[in-house]
Amino acid sequence: MIIAMLMVLALALLGIEFLAGGGTEEAYAQPAVANADTWVTDAAVYDIVQVGNTTYIGGMFPYVGPNIGSGVPISKSDDGLAPSYPRVEGDVSTVAADGSGGWYIGGRFTSVGGTARNRIAHILSDGSLDAAWNPDSDGNVLGIAVSGDTVYAGGNFTHIGGKDRDNIAALDASTGAATAWDPDANGRVLSMVKDGTTIYAGGLFNTIGVQSRNCIAAIDTSTSNPTTWDPDADGSVKVLWLSDGEFYVGGAFTHIGGQDRNGLAVIGKTSGNTDAWNPDTGSTVEALCMQDDVVCAGGQFKTMGEGTKDYYAQLGTAAPDVSGLSPYSGYVGDEVVIKGEKFGFTRESSYVSFGSAVVSEYNFWSADQIKVKVPVEAGGAVEVTVTTTGGISNPVYFNAFSTWYQARATPGATSTPGCWCRTRASMMPR
């Protein structure tokens, strides 16, 4: 076997005895319990050598470090790990704040802080496990929404909080017991958002109760029945994000809300219809967040619209607004500062046009300022516009002058040859 990369690292043993060579049958009969504090790699280990109190390992891994578990809180101030948190053994798929500094977590885990917790748990504000809250789900918990004294859980379970519940349930935030609310989804629920007296759910289901709902539904929190809202997706809905009366919806669908949309769409909270925004992702969208009219999308896609986007993209949701230029006239190749808003945090697939000439040189791009070089194709009075996934901006005029001018013969003359003259002193050919 050819090993493409071999890394050899020295790791101090963390309380582990290394047995080299033989041993008694009694030693081999003892249960093998891994030391959870031992450092881990993120890829295969092919060889191990023990020298004194040091273990040397080699393999295909690019990283080795502490075993921190599958879910950790990160400080907003310095990006470091929180000083105290329980280690989660198993995947964490969803997290929701409890409103008091703690968190509800769901996923595929079976232990939190060394205590058995099947796929759902509550972490208190001091970083400890809530010993009194244990709904004990028999299947994976993939979505959580918290509202007051109720925790809504979705996934692919059949029993949670001491009650039989198919894939969606409401749990008492203090005791973990299931409430009487029972919408009965016939397939997994992947994402939930609560707004007023309604739970909006996305997933891979076809019915809620006895009513047909394909992959997305609105459910009354009092009756457990679906409302008339019905965007009717033809593929799984994996994430919902509510903003200004509209849902940004990501998933593996190609048609939703009455329109063809690939993986990402905006749905009216009242109408259930899809609006005109259409980023046209190349594949599934798994995660969404939104800030300042910019949608951040992550997933399995490699393209977004006509551009290449590997797994992550930032998308404008509203047309940009250009407030001014500096300067308003200049030569091709000069830098122009475009001021305004809603340009997007990074350029991504967005672009600037000087009339029909699209800019190829960008020096800076932020949400409210862009710096570009005037394209060589620009000439005369042209409209400068900014195009993002949110639309095309209002035009602002710019006078573009060529650095080189071709002189023309005086009308009626026959002997004056044409010539090329370089000038910045005159704005007209001479």
Protein backbone atom coordinates (compact mmCIF):
# COMPACT_ATOMS: atom_id res chain seq x y z
CA MET A 1 0.00 0.00 0.00
CA ILE A 2 1.27 3.44 -0.86
CA ILE A 3 0.69 5.93 1.90
CA ALA A 4 0.20 9.38 0.40
CA MET A 5 1.03 11.17 3.60
CA LEU A 6 2.70 9.99 6.81
CA MET A 7 2.70 12.16 9.86
CA VAL A 8 4.59 11.11 12.99
CA LEU A 9 3.62 12.88 16.17
CA ALA A 10 4.68 12.42 19.79
CA LEU A 11 1.78 12.31 22.24
CA ALA A 12 2.14 12.23 26.01
CA LEU A 13 0.11 9.37 27.44
CA LEU A 14 -2.87 10.62 29.43
CA GLY A 15 -3.30 7.98 32.13
CA ILE A 16 -3.12 4.93 29.82
CA GLU A 17 -1.01 1.86 30.39
CA PHE A 18 0.51 0.47 27.19
CA LEU A 19 0.89 -3.34 27.13
CA ALA A 20 3.83 -4.30 24.89
CA GLY A 21 4.48 -7.91 24.08
CA GLY A 22 2.78 -10.76 25.92
CA GLY A 23 0.34 -10.81 28.79
CA THR A 24 -1.74 -13.22 30.78
CA GLU A 25 -5.09 -14.59 29.70
CA GLU A 26 -6.62 -12.78 32.64
CA ALA A 27 -5.36 -9.47 31.29
CA TYR A 28 -6.90 -10.10 27.87
CA ALA A 29 -10.19 -11.12 29.51
CA GLN A 30 -10.57 -7.75 31.19
CA PRO A 31 -13.05 -5.39 29.51
CA ALA A 32 -11.41 -2.87 27.19
CA VAL A 33 -12.47 0.67 28.17
CA ALA A 34 -11.03 3.54 26.14
CA ASN A 35 -9.67 6.51 28.03
CA ALA A 36 -11.94 9.39 26.95
CA ASP A 37 -9.18 11.92 27.70
CA THR A 38 -6.74 10.49 25.14
CA TRP A 39 -6.05 12.79 22.21
CA VAL A 40 -7.57 11.76 18.88
CA THR A 41 -6.90 12.11 15.15
CA ASP A 42 -9.32 12.98 12.37
CA ALA A 43 -8.21 10.21 9.96
CA ALA A 44 -6.61 6.76 9.86
CA VAL A 45 -3.66 5.71 12.06
CA TYR A 46 -1.43 3.04 10.44
CA ASP A 47 1.39 2.52 12.93
CA ILE A 48 2.11 2.95 16.65
CA VAL A 49 5.44 2.78 18.50
CA GLN A 50 5.84 3.05 22.27
CA VAL A 51 9.07 4.58 23.66
CA GLY A 52 9.05 5.10 27.40
CA ASN A 53 6.10 7.29 28.32
CA THR A 54 5.65 8.53 24.76
CA THR A 55 3.53 7.01 21.99
CA TYR A 56 4.46 7.76 18.38
CA ILE A 57 1.70 7.38 15.81
CA GLY A 58 1.71 7.70 12.03
CA GLY A 59 -1.00 7.77 9.43
CA MET A 60 -3.12 9.83 7.06
CA PHE A 61 -4.37 12.42 9.55
CA PRO A 62 -3.76 16.18 9.20
CA TYR A 63 -4.92 16.94 12.75
CA VAL A 64 -4.48 15.55 16.27
CA GLY A 65 -5.95 17.09 19.40
CA PRO A 66 -8.10 16.68 22.51
CA ASN A 67 -11.26 14.60 22.41
CA ILE A 68 -13.83 17.35 23.02
CA GLY A 69 -16.91 15.39 22.02
CA SER A 70 -19.44 16.15 19.31
CA GLY A 71 -20.84 19.43 20.57
CA VAL A 72 -19.10 22.35 22.27
CA PRO A 73 -20.06 25.94 23.13
CA ILE A 74 -17.86 28.61 21.53
CA SER A 75 -17.22 32.00 23.12
CA LYS A 76 -18.55 34.92 21.07
CA SER A 77 -15.75 37.19 22.29
CA ASP A 78 -12.60 35.17 21.53
CA ASP A 79 -13.78 32.07 19.57
CA GLY A 80 -12.41 29.82 22.31
CA LEU A 81 -14.15 26.92 23.98
CA ALA A 82 -16.32 27.62 27.01
CA PRO A 83 -14.49 26.81 30.26
CA SER A 84 -17.04 24.20 31.32
CA TYR A 85 -19.27 21.90 29.30
CA PRO A 86 -20.22 18.21 29.32
CA ARG A 87 -18.74 16.00 26.63
CA VAL A 88 -21.33 14.65 24.18
CA GLU A 89 -20.72 11.13 22.90
CA GLY A 90 -22.39 10.98 19.50
CA ASP A 91 -23.53 13.41 16.81
CA VAL A 92 -25.29 16.67 17.69
CA SER A 93 -27.76 17.64 14.95
CA THR A 94 -29.68 20.55 16.45
CA VAL A 95 -29.28 23.15 19.20
CA ALA A 96 -31.77 25.66 20.65
CA ALA A 97 -31.27 28.23 23.41
CA ASP A 98 -33.40 27.76 26.53
CA GLY A 99 -33.69 31.51 27.14
CA SER A 100 -31.74 31.32 30.41
CA GLY A 101 -28.20 30.85 29.15
CA GLY A 102 -28.49 27.11 28.61
CA TRP A 103 -29.23 24.89 25.62
CA TYR A 104 -31.39 22.05 24.47
CA ILE A 105 -29.50 19.69 22.17
CA GLY A 106 -30.68 16.86 19.95
CA GLY A 107 -28.97 14.34 17.71
CA ARG A 108 -27.72 10.76 17.65
CA PHE A 109 -25.85 10.76 20.96
CA THR A 110 -26.34 8.38 23.90
CA SER A 111 -24.27 10.05 26.61
CA VAL A 112 -23.74 13.61 27.88
CA GLY A 113 -21.15 14.31 30.54
CA GLY A 114 -20.84 10.63 31.29
CA THR A 115 -24.59 10.28 31.98
CA ALA A 116 -26.92 8.34 29.71
CA ARG A 117 -28.99 10.65 27.54
CA ASN A 118 -30.67 9.21 24.48
CA ARG A 119 -30.63 11.73 21.64
CA ILE A 120 -31.98 14.78 23.53
CA ALA A 121 -30.69 16.66 26.57
CA HIS A 122 -30.68 20.00 28.39
CA ILE A 123 -27.40 21.79 29.21
CA LEU A 124 -27.75 24.37 31.98
CA SER A 125 -26.22 27.84 31.90
CA ASP A 126 -23.31 26.74 34.13
CA GLY A 127 -22.33 24.08 31.57
CA SER A 128 -23.69 21.13 33.54
CA LEU A 129 -26.23 18.54 32.43
CA ASP A 130 -29.79 19.04 33.66
CA ALA A 131 -30.19 15.87 35.73
CA ALA A 132 -33.97 16.25 36.01
CA TRP A 133 -34.73 16.57 32.27
CA ASN A 134 -34.59 13.31 30.32
CA PRO A 135 -37.22 12.73 27.58
CA ASP A 136 -35.31 9.59 26.46
CA SER A 137 -36.05 9.42 22.73
CA ASP A 138 -35.95 6.06 20.97
CA GLY A 139 -34.85 7.68 17.70
CA ASN A 140 -32.77 10.57 16.47
CA VAL A 141 -33.83 14.11 17.36
CA LEU A 142 -33.08 16.36 14.38
CA GLY A 143 -34.94 19.61 15.10
CA ILE A 144 -35.78 21.60 18.25
CA ALA A 145 -37.81 24.77 18.81
CA VAL A 146 -38.29 26.33 22.25
CA SER A 147 -41.22 28.52 23.29
CA GLY A 148 -41.74 29.42 26.94
CA ASP A 149 -42.39 26.27 28.95
CA THR A 150 -42.54 23.98 25.91
CA VAL A 151 -39.78 22.30 23.90
CA TYR A 152 -40.87 21.10 20.45
CA ALA A 153 -38.83 18.17 19.12
CA GLY A 154 -38.74 16.64 15.65
CA GLY A 155 -36.87 13.66 14.25
CA ASN A 156 -37.44 10.03 13.39
CA PHE A 157 -38.58 8.68 16.75
CA THR A 158 -41.69 6.77 17.86
CA HIS A 159 -41.40 7.25 21.64
CA ILE A 160 -40.28 10.33 23.57
CA GLY A 161 -41.09 11.98 26.87
CA GLY A 162 -42.77 8.79 28.10
CA LYS A 163 -45.37 8.76 25.30
CA ASP A 164 -45.75 7.27 21.84
CA ARG A 165 -45.16 10.09 19.38
CA ASP A 166 -44.42 9.74 15.67
CA ASN A 167 -41.54 12.04 14.65
CA ILE A 168 -42.81 15.22 16.32
CA ALA A 169 -43.69 16.06 19.92
CA ALA A 170 -44.06 18.80 22.52
CA LEU A 171 -42.16 18.34 25.79
CA ASP A 172 -42.51 20.09 29.14
CA ALA A 173 -39.44 22.32 29.50
CA SER A 174 -39.12 21.49 33.20
CA THR A 175 -39.91 17.77 33.37
CA GLY A 176 -39.24 16.49 29.85
CA ALA A 177 -42.64 14.76 29.75
CA ALA A 178 -44.58 14.76 26.49
CA THR A 179 -47.66 16.98 26.43
CA ALA A 180 -50.98 16.07 24.80
CA TRP A 181 -49.95 17.79 21.53
CA ASP A 182 -49.62 15.03 18.90
CA PRO A 183 -49.57 16.01 15.19
CA ASP A 184 -48.44 12.51 14.11
CA ALA A 185 -46.10 13.01 11.13
CA ASN A 186 -45.63 9.90 8.98
CA GLY A 187 -41.97 10.68 8.23
CA ARG A 188 -38.98 12.36 9.80
CA VAL A 189 -39.16 16.02 10.87
CA LEU A 190 -35.89 17.88 10.28
CA SER A 191 -36.56 21.54 11.12
CA MET A 192 -39.09 23.54 13.13
CA VAL A 193 -39.90 27.21 13.75
CA LYS A 194 -42.55 28.49 16.15
CA ASP A 195 -44.36 31.71 15.30
CA GLY A 196 -47.33 32.78 17.42
CA THR A 197 -49.68 29.80 17.80
CA THR A 198 -48.17 27.87 14.90
CA ILE A 199 -45.33 25.41 14.51
CA TYR A 200 -43.86 25.38 10.99
CA ALA A 201 -42.20 22.03 10.25
CA GLY A 202 -40.03 20.77 7.43
CA GLY A 203 -38.85 17.26 6.76
CA LEU A 204 -39.52 14.14 4.73
CA PHE A 205 -43.17 13.38 5.47
CA ASN A 206 -46.37 13.14 3.44
CA THR A 207 -49.07 13.50 6.08
CA ILE A 208 -49.70 15.35 9.33
CA GLY A 209 -52.43 13.50 11.17
CA VAL A 210 -54.85 12.44 8.45
CA GLN A 211 -54.16 15.38 6.14
CA SER A 212 -51.76 15.37 3.20
CA ARG A 213 -48.77 17.65 3.61
CA ASN A 214 -45.67 17.07 1.52
CA CYS A 215 -42.45 17.82 3.42
CA ILE A 216 -43.56 21.19 4.84
CA ALA A 217 -46.50 22.13 7.05
CA ALA A 218 -47.92 24.61 9.54
CA ILE A 219 -49.40 23.03 12.67
CA ASP A 220 -51.71 24.64 15.24
CA THR A 221 -50.12 24.46 18.71
CA SER A 222 -53.54 24.03 20.37
CA THR A 223 -55.26 21.45 18.16
CA SER A 224 -52.27 19.53 16.68
CA ASN A 225 -53.95 19.92 13.28
CA PRO A 226 -52.27 21.37 10.18
CA THR A 227 -53.47 24.77 9.00
CA THR A 228 -54.43 25.50 5.40
CA TRP A 229 -50.87 26.73 4.66
CA ASP A 230 -49.49 24.21 2.16
CA PRO A 231 -46.40 25.02 0.01
CA ASP A 232 -46.30 21.36 -1.11
CA ALA A 233 -42.60 20.56 -1.69
CA ASP A 234 -41.60 17.69 -3.98
CA GLY A 235 -38.52 16.85 -1.90
CA SER A 236 -37.27 17.04 1.66
CA VAL A 237 -37.24 20.37 3.51
CA LYS A 238 -34.19 20.44 5.78
CA VAL A 239 -34.11 23.97 7.17
CA LEU A 240 -36.53 26.87 7.77
CA TRP A 241 -35.57 30.47 8.57
CA LEU A 242 -38.25 33.09 9.28
CA SER A 243 -37.52 36.74 8.42
CA ASP A 244 -39.91 39.67 7.90
CA GLY A 245 -42.98 37.54 7.29
CA GLU A 246 -41.28 35.16 4.84
CA PHE A 247 -39.68 31.73 5.17
CA TYR A 248 -36.32 31.00 3.61
CA VAL A 249 -36.51 27.28 2.92
CA GLY A 250 -33.62 24.93 2.13
CA GLY A 251 -33.66 21.28 1.19
CA ALA A 252 -33.58 18.76 -1.63
CA PHE A 253 -36.69 19.91 -3.51
CA THR A 254 -37.07 21.12 -7.10
CA HIS A 255 -40.64 22.46 -6.82
CA ILE A 256 -42.23 24.31 -3.90
CA GLY A 257 -44.91 26.94 -3.36
CA GLY A 258 -46.18 26.48 -6.90
CA GLN A 259 -42.84 27.28 -8.58
CA ASP A 260 -39.73 25.42 -9.74
CA ARG A 261 -36.95 26.09 -7.24
CA ASN A 262 -33.76 24.07 -6.78
CA GLY A 263 -32.95 23.59 -3.11
CA LEU A 264 -33.61 27.15 -1.92
CA ALA A 265 -36.72 29.34 -1.98
CA VAL A 266 -38.63 32.10 -0.22
CA ILE A 267 -42.18 31.22 0.86
CA GLY A 268 -44.81 33.67 2.09
CA LYS A 269 -45.80 32.97 5.70
CA THR A 270 -49.43 33.81 4.91
CA SER A 271 -49.85 32.69 1.31
CA GLY A 272 -47.52 29.69 1.14
CA ASN A 273 -46.49 30.86 -2.34
CA THR A 274 -42.96 31.20 -3.65
CA ASP A 275 -41.70 34.70 -4.50
CA ALA A 276 -39.45 35.74 -7.40
CA TRP A 277 -36.10 35.25 -5.59
CA ASN A 278 -34.37 32.28 -7.23
CA PRO A 279 -30.68 31.55 -6.48
CA ASP A 280 -30.97 28.17 -8.28
CA THR A 281 -28.66 25.96 -6.24
CA GLY A 282 -27.02 22.98 -7.84
CA SER A 283 -27.91 20.57 -5.04
CA THR A 284 -29.24 20.22 -1.49
CA VAL A 285 -29.19 23.11 1.01
CA GLU A 286 -28.67 21.89 4.58
CA ALA A 287 -28.23 25.08 6.64
CA LEU A 288 -29.34 28.72 6.53
CA CYS A 289 -28.90 31.91 8.50
CA MET A 290 -29.59 35.55 7.65
CA GLN A 291 -28.09 38.91 8.55
CA ASP A 292 -28.62 42.36 7.02
CA ASP A 293 -30.53 41.13 3.93
CA VAL A 294 -27.84 38.53 3.22
CA VAL A 295 -28.61 34.80 3.35
CA CYS A 296 -25.76 32.45 4.26
CA ALA A 297 -26.40 28.98 2.83
CA GLY A 298 -24.50 25.75 3.35
CA GLY A 299 -25.03 22.33 1.88
CA GLN A 300 -24.00 19.83 -0.75
CA PHE A 301 -24.13 22.20 -3.73
CA LYS A 302 -21.20 23.04 -6.00
CA THR A 303 -22.93 25.77 -8.00
CA MET A 304 -25.25 28.70 -7.29
CA GLY A 305 -26.95 30.21 -10.30
CA GLU A 306 -24.29 30.44 -13.03
CA GLY A 307 -21.38 30.62 -10.58
CA THR A 308 -19.25 28.01 -8.82
CA LYS A 309 -19.99 27.81 -5.10
CA ASP A 310 -18.45 24.96 -3.14
CA TYR A 311 -20.82 24.08 -0.29
CA TYR A 312 -21.24 27.64 1.04
CA ALA A 313 -22.62 30.86 -0.43
CA GLN A 314 -23.75 34.34 0.64
CA LEU A 315 -26.80 35.60 -1.21
CA GLY A 316 -28.46 38.99 -1.35
CA THR A 317 -32.22 38.97 -0.83
CA ALA A 318 -32.97 42.58 -1.79
CA ALA A 319 -31.77 44.66 -4.73
CA PRO A 320 -28.66 46.70 -3.86
CA ASP A 321 -28.90 50.49 -3.60
CA VAL A 322 -26.13 52.72 -5.01
CA SER A 323 -25.99 56.12 -3.28
CA GLY A 324 -22.98 57.58 -5.05
CA LEU A 325 -19.65 57.24 -6.85
CA SER A 326 -16.22 58.70 -6.19
CA PRO A 327 -15.27 60.11 -8.63
CA TYR A 328 -18.12 60.48 -11.11
CA SER A 329 -15.76 60.65 -14.09
CA GLY A 330 -12.36 59.25 -14.97
CA TYR A 331 -10.22 57.23 -17.33
CA VAL A 332 -10.37 53.51 -18.02
CA GLY A 333 -8.21 51.71 -15.47
CA ASP A 334 -8.87 54.32 -12.77
CA GLU A 335 -10.27 53.18 -9.41
CA VAL A 336 -13.86 54.12 -8.63
CA VAL A 337 -15.49 53.79 -5.20
CA ILE A 338 -19.16 52.77 -5.26
CA LYS A 339 -21.09 53.62 -2.11
CA GLY A 340 -24.47 52.29 -1.01
CA GLU A 341 -25.98 49.31 0.78
CA LYS A 342 -27.05 45.68 0.37
CA PHE A 343 -24.02 44.79 -1.75
CA GLY A 344 -23.32 41.63 0.30
CA PHE A 345 -20.43 40.89 2.67
CA THR A 346 -18.36 39.34 -0.15
CA ARG A 347 -18.64 39.50 -3.93
CA GLU A 348 -19.50 35.84 -4.56
CA SER A 349 -21.25 35.87 -7.99
CA SER A 350 -22.16 39.59 -7.81
CA TYR A 351 -20.68 42.05 -10.29
CA VAL A 352 -20.49 45.71 -11.34
CA SER A 353 -21.30 47.00 -14.81
CA PHE A 354 -20.31 50.23 -16.59
CA GLY A 355 -22.99 50.24 -19.25
CA SER A 356 -22.59 46.95 -21.14
CA ALA A 357 -19.01 46.49 -19.85
CA VAL A 358 -18.70 44.16 -16.87
CA VAL A 359 -15.89 44.94 -14.40
CA SER A 360 -13.08 42.38 -14.20
CA GLU A 361 -10.86 44.07 -11.58
CA TYR A 362 -12.21 44.35 -8.02
CA ASN A 363 -10.04 45.89 -5.29
CA PHE A 364 -12.53 45.76 -2.40
CA TRP A 365 -16.06 44.52 -1.66
CA SER A 366 -18.21 44.99 1.44
CA ALA A 367 -21.89 45.42 2.26
CA ASP A 368 -21.77 49.20 1.75
CA GLN A 369 -18.69 49.92 -0.40
CA ILE A 370 -17.09 48.53 -3.55
CA LYS A 371 -13.80 49.54 -5.21
CA VAL A 372 -13.31 48.66 -8.88
CA LYS A 373 -11.20 49.56 -11.92
CA VAL A 374 -13.07 51.19 -14.81
CA PRO A 375 -13.18 48.53 -17.56
CA VAL A 376 -11.36 49.29 -20.81
CA GLU A 377 -14.58 48.72 -22.78
CA ALA A 378 -16.33 51.62 -21.02
CA GLY A 379 -16.65 54.90 -22.88
CA GLY A 380 -18.69 58.07 -22.57
CA ALA A 381 -21.58 58.54 -20.19
CA VAL A 382 -22.51 55.08 -18.87
CA GLU A 383 -24.82 53.72 -16.20
CA VAL A 384 -23.02 52.05 -13.31
CA THR A 385 -25.04 49.25 -11.68
CA VAL A 386 -24.40 46.55 -9.08
CA THR A 387 -25.97 43.13 -9.66
CA THR A 388 -26.40 40.59 -6.84
CA THR A 389 -28.67 37.61 -6.25
CA GLY A 390 -31.10 40.14 -4.78
CA GLY A 391 -31.44 42.01 -8.10
CA ILE A 392 -29.99 44.96 -10.02
CA SER A 393 -29.32 48.29 -8.33
CA ASN A 394 -30.48 51.72 -9.39
CA PRO A 395 -28.14 53.21 -12.05
CA VAL A 396 -25.70 56.05 -11.34
CA TYR A 397 -24.00 57.83 -14.27
CA PHE A 398 -20.24 57.86 -14.77
CA ASN A 399 -18.26 59.60 -17.56
CA ALA A 400 -15.57 57.23 -18.82
CA PHE A 401 -12.67 58.58 -20.91
CA SER A 402 -10.19 56.56 -22.91
CA THR A 403 -6.49 57.17 -22.25
CA TRP A 404 -5.76 57.08 -25.98
CA TYR A 405 -7.53 59.04 -28.70
CA GLN A 406 -7.32 58.71 -32.48
CA ALA A 407 -7.19 62.03 -34.29
CA ARG A 408 -9.34 62.48 -37.33
CA ALA A 409 -8.46 64.48 -40.45
CA THR A 410 -9.91 67.98 -40.73
CA PRO A 411 -13.06 67.90 -42.90
CA GLY A 412 -12.09 68.70 -46.50
CA ALA A 413 -8.39 68.00 -46.00
CA THR A 414 -6.77 65.16 -47.91
CA SER A 415 -3.17 65.19 -46.74
CA THR A 416 -3.46 65.07 -42.91
CA PRO A 417 -2.71 61.52 -41.74
CA GLY A 418 -4.48 59.98 -38.77
CA CYS A 419 -2.37 59.56 -35.63
CA TRP A 420 -2.66 58.19 -32.08
CA CYS A 421 -2.18 60.78 -29.36
CA ARG A 422 -1.91 60.06 -25.61
CA THR A 423 -3.51 62.77 -23.50
CA ARG A 424 -4.90 63.47 -20.08
CA ALA A 425 -5.03 67.24 -20.56
CA SER A 426 -7.84 67.21 -23.06
CA MET A 427 -11.15 65.44 -22.95
CA MET A 428 -11.64 65.66 -26.71
CA PRO A 429 -9.69 64.23 -29.68
CA ARG A 430 -7.23 66.65 -31.19
